[in-house]
C-alpha atoms as a PDB file:
ATOM      1  CA  UNK A   1      94.685 111.071  96.668  1.00  0.00           C
ATOM      2  CA  UNK A   2      92.336 110.470  93.732  1.00  0.00           C
ATOM      3  CA  UNK A   3      94.195 113.047  91.599  1.00  0.00           C
ATOM      4  CA  UNK A   4      97.318 110.878  91.752  1.00  0.00           C
ATOM      5  CA  UNK A   5      95.248 107.887  90.643  1.00  0.00           C
ATOM      6  CA  UNK A   6      93.952 109.844  87.640  1.00  0.00           C
ATOM      7  CA  UNK A   7      97.531 110.725  86.712  1.00  0.00           C
ATOM      8  CA  UNK A   8      98.544 107.059  86.943  1.00  0.00           C
ATOM      9  CA  UNK A   9      95.469 105.962  84.961  1.00  0.00           C
ATOM     10  CA  UNK A  10      96.038 108.468  82.158  1.00  0.00           C
ATOM     11  CA  UNK A  11      99.733 107.614  82.075  1.00  0.00           C
ATOM     12  CA  UNK A  12      98.937 103.939  81.681  1.00  0.00           C
ATOM     13  CA  UNK A  13      96.323 104.598  79.010  1.00  0.00           C
ATOM     14  CA  UNK A  14      98.932 106.493  77.022  1.00  0.00           C
ATOM     15  CA  UNK A  15     102.021 104.372  77.615  1.00  0.00           C
ATOM     16  CA  UNK A  16     100.827 100.806  78.277  1.00  0.00           C
ATOM     17  CA  UNK A  17      99.462  99.181  75.123  1.00  0.00           C
ATOM     18  CA  UNK A  18      98.030  96.092  76.839  1.00  0.00           C
ATOM     19  CA  UNK A  19      96.270  98.204  79.480  1.00  0.00           C
ATOM     20  CA  UNK A  20      94.933 100.564  76.797  1.00  0.00           C
ATOM     21  CA  UNK A  21      93.633  97.651  74.707  1.00  0.00           C
ATOM     22  CA  UNK A  22      91.944  96.140  77.767  1.00  0.00           C
ATOM     23  CA  UNK A  23      90.361  99.503  78.574  1.00  0.00           C
ATOM     24  CA  UNK A  24      89.111  99.995  75.032  1.00  0.00           C
ATOM     25  CA  UNK A  25      87.666  96.488  75.038  1.00  0.00           C
ATOM     26  CA  UNK A  26      85.948  96.745  78.436  1.00  0.00           C
ATOM     27  CA  UNK A  27      86.164 100.106  80.200  1.00  0.00           C
ATOM     28  CA  UNK A  28      84.067  99.066  83.190  1.00  0.00           C
ATOM     29  CA  UNK A  29      86.087  95.943  84.001  1.00  0.00           C
ATOM     30  CA  UNK A  30      89.424  97.678  83.460  1.00  0.00           C
ATOM     31  CA  UNK A  31      88.506 100.570  85.756  1.00  0.00           C
ATOM     32  CA  UNK A  32      87.162  98.108  88.333  1.00  0.00           C
ATOM     33  CA  UNK A  33      90.462  96.198  88.257  1.00  0.00           C
ATOM     34  CA  UNK A  34      92.373  99.486  88.477  1.00  0.00           C
ATOM     35  CA  UNK A  35      90.457 100.458  91.629  1.00  0.00           C
ATOM     36  CA  UNK A  36      90.769  96.967  93.108  1.00  0.00           C
ATOM     37  CA  UNK A  37      94.541  97.188  92.668  1.00  0.00           C
ATOM     38  CA  UNK A  38      94.580 100.046  95.186  1.00  0.00           C
ATOM     39  CA  UNK A  39      93.849 103.187  93.195  1.00  0.00           C
ATOM     40  CA  UNK A  40      91.103 105.634  94.087  1.00  0.00           C
ATOM     41  CA  UNK A  41      88.628 107.049  91.579  1.00  0.00           C
ATOM     42  CA  UNK A  42      85.642 109.203  92.404  1.00  0.00           C
ATOM     43  CA  UNK A  43      82.400 108.727  90.526  1.00  0.00           C
ATOM     44  CA  UNK A  44      82.994 112.042  88.746  1.00  0.00           C
ATOM     45  CA  UNK A  45      86.476 110.956  87.646  1.00  0.00           C
ATOM     46  CA  UNK A  46      85.238 107.577  86.406  1.00  0.00           C
ATOM     47  CA  UNK A  47      82.428 109.291  84.486  1.00  0.00           C
ATOM     48  CA  UNK A  48      84.904 111.726  82.928  1.00  0.00           C
ATOM     49  CA  UNK A  49      87.190 108.880  81.816  1.00  0.00           C
ATOM     50  CA  UNK A  50      84.182 107.055  80.334  1.00  0.00           C
ATOM     51  CA  UNK A  51      83.083 110.245  78.536  1.00  0.00           C
ATOM     52  CA  UNK A  52      86.486 110.770  76.926  1.00  0.00           C
ATOM     53  CA  UNK A  53      86.444 109.584  73.300  1.00  0.00           C
ATOM     54  CA  UNK A  54      88.116 106.174  73.086  1.00  0.00           C
ATOM     55  CA  UNK A  55      90.171 107.199  70.071  1.00  0.00           C
ATOM     56  CA  UNK A  56      91.944 109.890  72.110  1.00  0.00           C
ATOM     57  CA  UNK A  57      94.059 107.361  74.008  1.00  0.00           C
ATOM     58  CA  UNK A  58      95.450 105.796  70.814  1.00  0.00           C
ATOM     59  CA  UNK A  59      95.983 109.183  69.156  1.00  0.00           C
ATOM     60  CA  UNK A  60      97.983 110.477  72.116  1.00  0.00           C
ATOM     61  CA  UNK A  61      99.904 107.199  72.432  1.00  0.00           C
ATOM     62  CA  UNK A  62     100.910 107.448  68.773  1.00  0.00           C
ATOM     63  CA  UNK A  63     102.216 110.981  69.293  1.00  0.00           C
ATOM     64  CA  UNK A  64     104.696 110.301  72.077  1.00  0.00           C
ATOM     65  CA  UNK A  65     108.175 108.903  71.630  1.00  0.00           C
ATOM     66  CA  UNK A  66     108.048 105.084  71.302  1.00  0.00           C
ATOM     67  CA  UNK A  67     110.740 104.798  73.970  1.00  0.00           C
ATOM     68  CA  UNK A  68     108.084 105.901  76.465  1.00  0.00           C
ATOM     69  CA  UNK A  69     105.713 103.132  75.386  1.00  0.00           C
ATOM     70  CA  UNK A  70     105.303  99.789  77.052  1.00  0.00           C
ATOM     71  CA  UNK A  71     104.730  97.511  74.083  1.00  0.00           C
ATOM     72  CA  UNK A  72     102.412  94.549  74.299  1.00  0.00           C
ATOM     73  CA  UNK A  73     104.388  91.361  73.844  1.00  0.00           C
ATOM     74  CA  UNK A  74     102.762  88.620  71.840  1.00  0.00           C
ATOM     75  CA  UNK A  75     103.880  85.647  69.813  1.00  0.00           C
ATOM     76  CA  UNK A  76     103.957  87.958  66.787  1.00  0.00           C
ATOM     77  CA  UNK A  77     106.547  90.199  68.458  1.00  0.00           C
ATOM     78  CA  UNK A  78     108.903  87.399  69.592  1.00  0.00           C
END
């Protein structure tokens, strides 16, 4: 079932701005929270996510249609 968790994790990193920002700020804590919320990650998968260049997630997010993005809401956006 870990493959499904990787798909969910990558999807969130690409489409969820708040999740992506949290991950880029503190990868360890964000992955820990992800696992604690019920997702499975093997040590190899976690290591691979950590080894992926951080800039990749923003680059990919900027390439997909904005309608697929979950924008972070802040006082600036209201």
